[in-house]
């Protein structure tokens, strides 16, 4: 059997998530490795942590398709000393595994977020059973649902995403019939809420939120349910693995590897 090259696998990925959908300045496609590498299998993951890379290597998967960046970037700060990107211990450790097992790293980020129906946002909505869309933009959605309390909505979100715990802000007894969705890291900016509130959301389900985001929701009279960055985007990465597996048919294995939660609740 003739194995596909990394460049050929990348082309299939970009057919599913075209670069025309990416945010300007975002980097997608092959990030690291030889484009002529013959690919024995694909690992699809939210982020290529050391655990993910070790599992991919053990499974013989040398094309790692990640949603988040493969490296921890350098950003100058006046608050603390920052190590150059190529010297950060975590980056050195990841690169060591990638080089040892002749892996190729490919990113599918904002170009996959924005794909309608199959991409990150709509995959998460389906997972949560949010089907009646009343507002849609590139990365934001609002849905009409049956009436329930914020506490009941939070319990349902927790169950359907399979997370051990969610963080909830707002009146747990408030009635909710319109739910906004802002997955990933959008709630790391408190400005994310403006569009959802203007579109009628009474509660929002988000990925990762900062304290300001919770407080702007409370002061706006909107309930907020934080699920974690990874949990809010895993449904979309599982779906990407399924679509890529279909595209590659019997040419090579495609596996979803869960990055998991990087903490425990005590």
Protein backbone atom coordinates (compact mmCIF):
# COMPACT_ATOMS: atom_id res chain seq x y z
CA UNK A 1 0.00 0.00 0.00
CA UNK A 2 1.29 3.46 -0.94
CA UNK A 3 1.02 5.82 2.01
CA UNK A 4 -0.19 9.38 1.55
CA UNK A 5 2.21 12.24 2.27
CA UNK A 6 1.58 14.80 4.98
CA UNK A 7 0.83 17.36 2.27
CA UNK A 8 -1.85 15.07 0.79
CA UNK A 9 -3.48 14.54 4.19
CA UNK A 10 -3.36 18.29 4.80
CA UNK A 11 -5.18 18.86 1.50
CA UNK A 12 -8.01 16.58 2.66
CA UNK A 13 -8.22 18.43 5.98
CA UNK A 14 -8.45 21.77 4.18
CA UNK A 15 -11.22 20.47 1.94
CA UNK A 16 -13.26 19.88 5.10
CA UNK A 17 -12.18 23.17 6.75
CA UNK A 18 -11.13 25.62 4.00
CA UNK A 19 -8.63 28.36 4.83
CA UNK A 20 -11.13 30.90 3.47
CA UNK A 21 -12.91 30.60 6.82
CA UNK A 22 -9.95 31.41 9.04
CA UNK A 23 -9.48 34.61 11.02
CA UNK A 24 -6.80 36.92 9.57
CA UNK A 25 -3.49 36.26 11.30
CA UNK A 26 -4.49 32.79 12.48
CA UNK A 27 -2.17 29.98 11.32
CA UNK A 28 -3.69 26.77 9.98
CA UNK A 29 -2.37 23.84 8.01
CA UNK A 30 0.95 22.08 8.61
CA UNK A 31 2.90 23.78 11.41
CA UNK A 32 5.86 21.49 11.88
CA UNK A 33 7.45 18.53 10.14
CA UNK A 34 8.33 17.41 6.64
CA UNK A 35 5.46 17.75 4.17
CA UNK A 36 6.79 14.73 2.28
CA UNK A 37 6.55 12.45 5.32
CA UNK A 38 4.59 9.26 4.60
CA UNK A 39 1.66 9.15 7.00
CA UNK A 40 0.78 5.97 8.88
CA UNK A 41 -2.21 7.38 10.75
CA UNK A 42 -3.90 10.53 12.05
CA UNK A 43 -4.45 11.61 15.65
CA UNK A 44 -7.12 14.30 16.02
CA UNK A 45 -7.01 16.21 19.28
CA UNK A 46 -7.88 19.52 20.91
CA UNK A 47 -4.27 20.22 21.93
CA UNK A 48 -1.08 18.14 21.45
CA UNK A 49 -0.11 17.73 25.10
CA UNK A 50 2.73 15.39 26.02
CA UNK A 51 0.18 12.72 26.97
CA UNK A 52 -1.56 13.05 23.59
CA UNK A 53 1.72 12.86 21.67
CA UNK A 54 2.83 9.78 23.62
CA UNK A 55 -0.51 8.08 22.92
CA UNK A 56 -0.32 8.97 19.22
CA UNK A 57 3.19 7.53 19.02
CA UNK A 58 2.10 4.33 20.78
CA UNK A 59 -0.72 3.94 18.24
CA UNK A 60 1.60 4.57 15.29
CA UNK A 61 -0.15 7.81 14.29
CA UNK A 62 2.39 10.29 12.93
CA UNK A 63 0.07 13.06 11.66
CA UNK A 64 -1.25 15.04 14.64
CA UNK A 65 -4.19 17.29 13.77
CA UNK A 66 -4.75 19.80 16.55
CA UNK A 67 -7.29 22.55 17.12
CA UNK A 68 -5.18 24.67 19.43
CA UNK A 69 -1.62 25.78 18.81
CA UNK A 70 1.12 23.18 19.11
CA UNK A 71 3.45 25.59 20.92
CA UNK A 72 3.22 27.99 23.85
CA UNK A 73 4.02 31.34 22.27
CA UNK A 74 6.31 34.12 23.40
CA UNK A 75 4.61 37.35 24.35
CA UNK A 76 6.61 40.20 25.87
CA UNK A 77 5.38 41.33 29.27
CA UNK A 78 6.12 44.17 31.64
CA UNK A 79 4.78 42.08 34.51
CA UNK A 80 7.21 39.13 34.45
CA UNK A 81 10.16 37.57 32.63
CA UNK A 82 9.24 35.47 29.62
CA UNK A 83 11.29 32.63 28.11
CA UNK A 84 11.72 32.65 24.31
CA UNK A 85 9.31 30.31 22.54
CA UNK A 86 11.96 27.84 21.37
CA UNK A 87 13.37 27.55 24.92
CA UNK A 88 10.16 27.03 26.88
CA UNK A 89 10.47 23.63 28.63
CA UNK A 90 7.00 22.50 27.51
CA UNK A 91 7.81 23.32 23.88
CA UNK A 92 11.16 21.56 24.09
CA UNK A 93 9.47 18.44 25.51
CA UNK A 94 6.79 18.40 22.82
CA UNK A 95 9.28 18.97 20.01
CA UNK A 96 11.45 16.13 21.32
CA UNK A 97 8.61 13.63 20.97
CA UNK A 98 7.56 14.95 17.56
CA UNK A 99 11.12 14.70 16.23
CA UNK A 100 11.76 11.27 17.76
CA UNK A 101 8.71 9.73 16.10
CA UNK A 102 8.93 11.68 12.82
CA UNK A 103 5.56 13.34 13.38
CA UNK A 104 3.91 16.15 11.46
CA UNK A 105 1.80 18.72 13.33
CA UNK A 106 -1.15 20.32 11.55
CA UNK A 107 -3.55 22.91 12.97
CA UNK A 108 -7.23 23.34 12.19
CA UNK A 109 -8.40 26.28 14.30
CA UNK A 110 -10.53 29.24 13.18
CA UNK A 111 -11.10 27.64 9.78
CA UNK A 112 -12.86 24.74 11.55
CA UNK A 113 -14.65 26.94 14.09
CA UNK A 114 -16.45 28.77 11.28
CA UNK A 115 -17.67 25.79 9.18
CA UNK A 116 -21.45 25.75 9.31
CA UNK A 117 -23.29 22.58 10.34
CA UNK A 118 -20.20 20.42 10.87
CA UNK A 119 -17.70 22.76 12.57
CA UNK A 120 -16.95 23.42 16.23
CA UNK A 121 -19.87 25.68 17.13
CA UNK A 122 -22.65 23.68 15.48
CA UNK A 123 -21.21 20.34 16.64
CA UNK A 124 -21.37 21.57 20.24
CA UNK A 125 -24.91 22.88 19.74
CA UNK A 126 -26.05 19.46 18.49
CA UNK A 127 -24.34 17.76 21.41
CA UNK A 128 -26.28 20.04 23.77
CA UNK A 129 -29.57 19.51 21.94
CA UNK A 130 -29.78 23.16 20.91
CA UNK A 131 -31.60 22.96 17.59
CA UNK A 132 -33.91 25.97 17.12
CA UNK A 133 -31.53 28.74 16.06
CA UNK A 134 -32.79 32.32 16.38
CA UNK A 135 -29.47 34.15 15.89
CA UNK A 136 -26.33 33.17 14.05
CA UNK A 137 -23.06 34.89 13.19
CA UNK A 138 -19.59 33.57 12.40
CA UNK A 139 -18.89 32.24 15.90
CA UNK A 140 -21.98 33.07 17.97
CA UNK A 141 -25.41 31.42 18.21
CA UNK A 142 -28.62 31.90 20.18
CA UNK A 143 -31.25 29.15 20.44
CA UNK A 144 -34.88 28.90 21.56
CA UNK A 145 -35.48 26.06 24.04
CA UNK A 146 -38.16 24.75 26.32
CA UNK A 147 -38.38 26.67 29.59
CA UNK A 148 -36.16 25.49 32.44
CA UNK A 149 -34.20 27.03 35.28
CA UNK A 150 -30.57 28.00 34.98
CA UNK A 151 -29.74 25.19 37.41
CA UNK A 152 -31.57 22.65 35.23
CA UNK A 153 -29.85 23.93 32.10
CA UNK A 154 -26.46 23.67 33.82
CA UNK A 155 -27.14 20.08 34.89
CA UNK A 156 -28.12 19.18 31.32
CA UNK A 157 -24.98 20.83 29.87
CA UNK A 158 -22.80 19.01 32.39
CA UNK A 159 -24.37 15.66 31.49
CA UNK A 160 -24.22 16.08 27.72
CA UNK A 161 -20.63 17.33 27.61
CA UNK A 162 -19.54 14.68 30.08
CA UNK A 163 -17.69 17.07 32.37
CA UNK A 164 -17.29 16.46 36.12
CA UNK A 165 -18.36 19.98 37.04
CA UNK A 166 -19.46 23.29 35.51
CA UNK A 167 -19.10 26.81 36.93
CA UNK A 168 -22.35 28.76 37.03
CA UNK A 169 -22.94 32.47 37.57
CA UNK A 170 -26.36 34.04 38.06
CA UNK A 171 -29.69 33.25 39.70
CA UNK A 172 -30.01 29.46 39.63
CA UNK A 173 -33.80 29.72 39.81
CA UNK A 174 -34.15 32.09 36.84
CA UNK A 175 -36.29 30.85 33.96
CA UNK A 176 -34.44 30.37 30.67
CA UNK A 177 -35.92 29.86 27.20
CA UNK A 178 -33.19 31.45 25.01
CA UNK A 179 -29.63 30.12 25.26
CA UNK A 180 -26.55 31.71 23.76
CA UNK A 181 -23.46 29.71 22.80
CA UNK A 182 -19.87 31.03 22.81
CA UNK A 183 -17.48 28.07 22.76
CA UNK A 184 -13.73 27.93 23.24
CA UNK A 185 -11.98 31.00 24.58
CA UNK A 186 -14.41 33.69 23.43
CA UNK A 187 -15.47 34.44 27.01
CA UNK A 188 -11.89 35.37 27.86
CA UNK A 189 -13.09 38.80 26.74
CA UNK A 190 -16.04 40.37 28.51
CA UNK A 191 -17.11 41.93 25.19
CA UNK A 192 -18.26 38.53 23.93
CA UNK A 193 -21.56 38.96 25.78
CA UNK A 194 -22.73 42.06 23.87
CA UNK A 195 -23.84 40.22 20.73
CA UNK A 196 -25.56 37.45 22.67
CA UNK A 197 -27.50 39.83 24.93
CA UNK A 198 -28.52 41.98 21.95
CA UNK A 199 -29.80 38.79 20.29
CA UNK A 200 -32.02 37.89 23.25
CA UNK A 201 -29.97 35.33 25.20
CA UNK A 202 -31.11 34.87 28.80
CA UNK A 203 -28.29 32.44 29.61
CA UNK A 204 -25.04 31.62 27.84
CA UNK A 205 -22.99 28.44 27.64
CA UNK A 206 -19.30 29.24 27.24
CA UNK A 207 -15.98 27.44 27.15
CA UNK A 208 -13.38 29.33 29.19
CA UNK A 209 -14.30 32.54 31.03
CA UNK A 210 -12.36 35.12 33.03
CA UNK A 211 -13.76 36.73 36.16
CA UNK A 212 -14.80 39.88 34.25
CA UNK A 213 -16.92 37.74 31.93
CA UNK A 214 -18.83 36.22 34.82
CA UNK A 215 -19.43 39.62 36.40
CA UNK A 216 -20.62 41.30 33.21
CA UNK A 217 -23.11 38.43 32.79
CA UNK A 218 -24.39 38.79 36.36
CA UNK A 219 -24.73 42.56 36.08
CA UNK A 220 -26.52 42.15 32.75
CA UNK A 221 -29.06 39.75 34.27
CA UNK A 222 -27.80 36.82 32.18
CA UNK A 223 -26.96 33.37 33.51
CA UNK A 224 -23.58 31.93 32.57
CA UNK A 225 -22.42 28.31 32.43
CA UNK A 226 -18.68 27.73 31.99
CA UNK A 227 -17.80 24.25 30.73
CA UNK A 228 -14.02 24.59 30.06
CA UNK A 229 -12.25 25.42 26.82
CA UNK A 230 -11.58 21.79 25.89
CA UNK A 231 -15.01 20.39 26.75
CA UNK A 232 -16.79 23.05 24.72
CA UNK A 233 -14.78 22.18 21.59
CA UNK A 234 -14.31 18.43 21.86
CA UNK A 235 -17.61 17.67 20.06
CA UNK A 236 -16.31 19.50 17.01
CA UNK A 237 -12.96 17.70 17.09
CA UNK A 238 -14.69 14.34 17.38
CA UNK A 239 -16.75 15.30 14.36
CA UNK A 240 -13.64 16.36 12.43
CA UNK A 241 -12.09 12.95 13.18
CA UNK A 242 -15.22 11.25 11.84
CA UNK A 243 -15.27 13.29 8.62
CA UNK A 244 -11.55 12.80 8.02
CA UNK A 245 -11.88 9.07 8.67
CA UNK A 246 -14.61 8.93 6.01
CA UNK A 247 -12.43 10.88 3.56
CA UNK A 248 -9.44 8.58 4.11
CA UNK A 249 -11.65 5.45 4.06
CA UNK A 250 -9.31 2.44 4.22
CA UNK A 251 -6.06 4.33 3.56
CA UNK A 252 -5.05 4.81 7.20
CA UNK A 253 -6.47 4.89 10.74
CA UNK A 254 -7.86 8.13 12.18
CA UNK A 255 -8.31 8.36 15.94
CA UNK A 256 -9.66 11.05 18.25
CA UNK A 257 -7.46 11.45 21.34
CA UNK A 258 -9.05 13.41 24.17
CA UNK A 259 -6.75 16.04 25.67
CA UNK A 260 -8.75 15.77 28.89
CA UNK A 261 -9.13 18.22 31.76
CA UNK A 262 -5.76 19.41 33.07
CA UNK A 263 -7.01 19.65 36.66
CA UNK A 264 -9.07 17.79 39.26
CA UNK A 265 -11.82 19.19 41.45
CA UNK A 266 -11.23 18.98 45.21
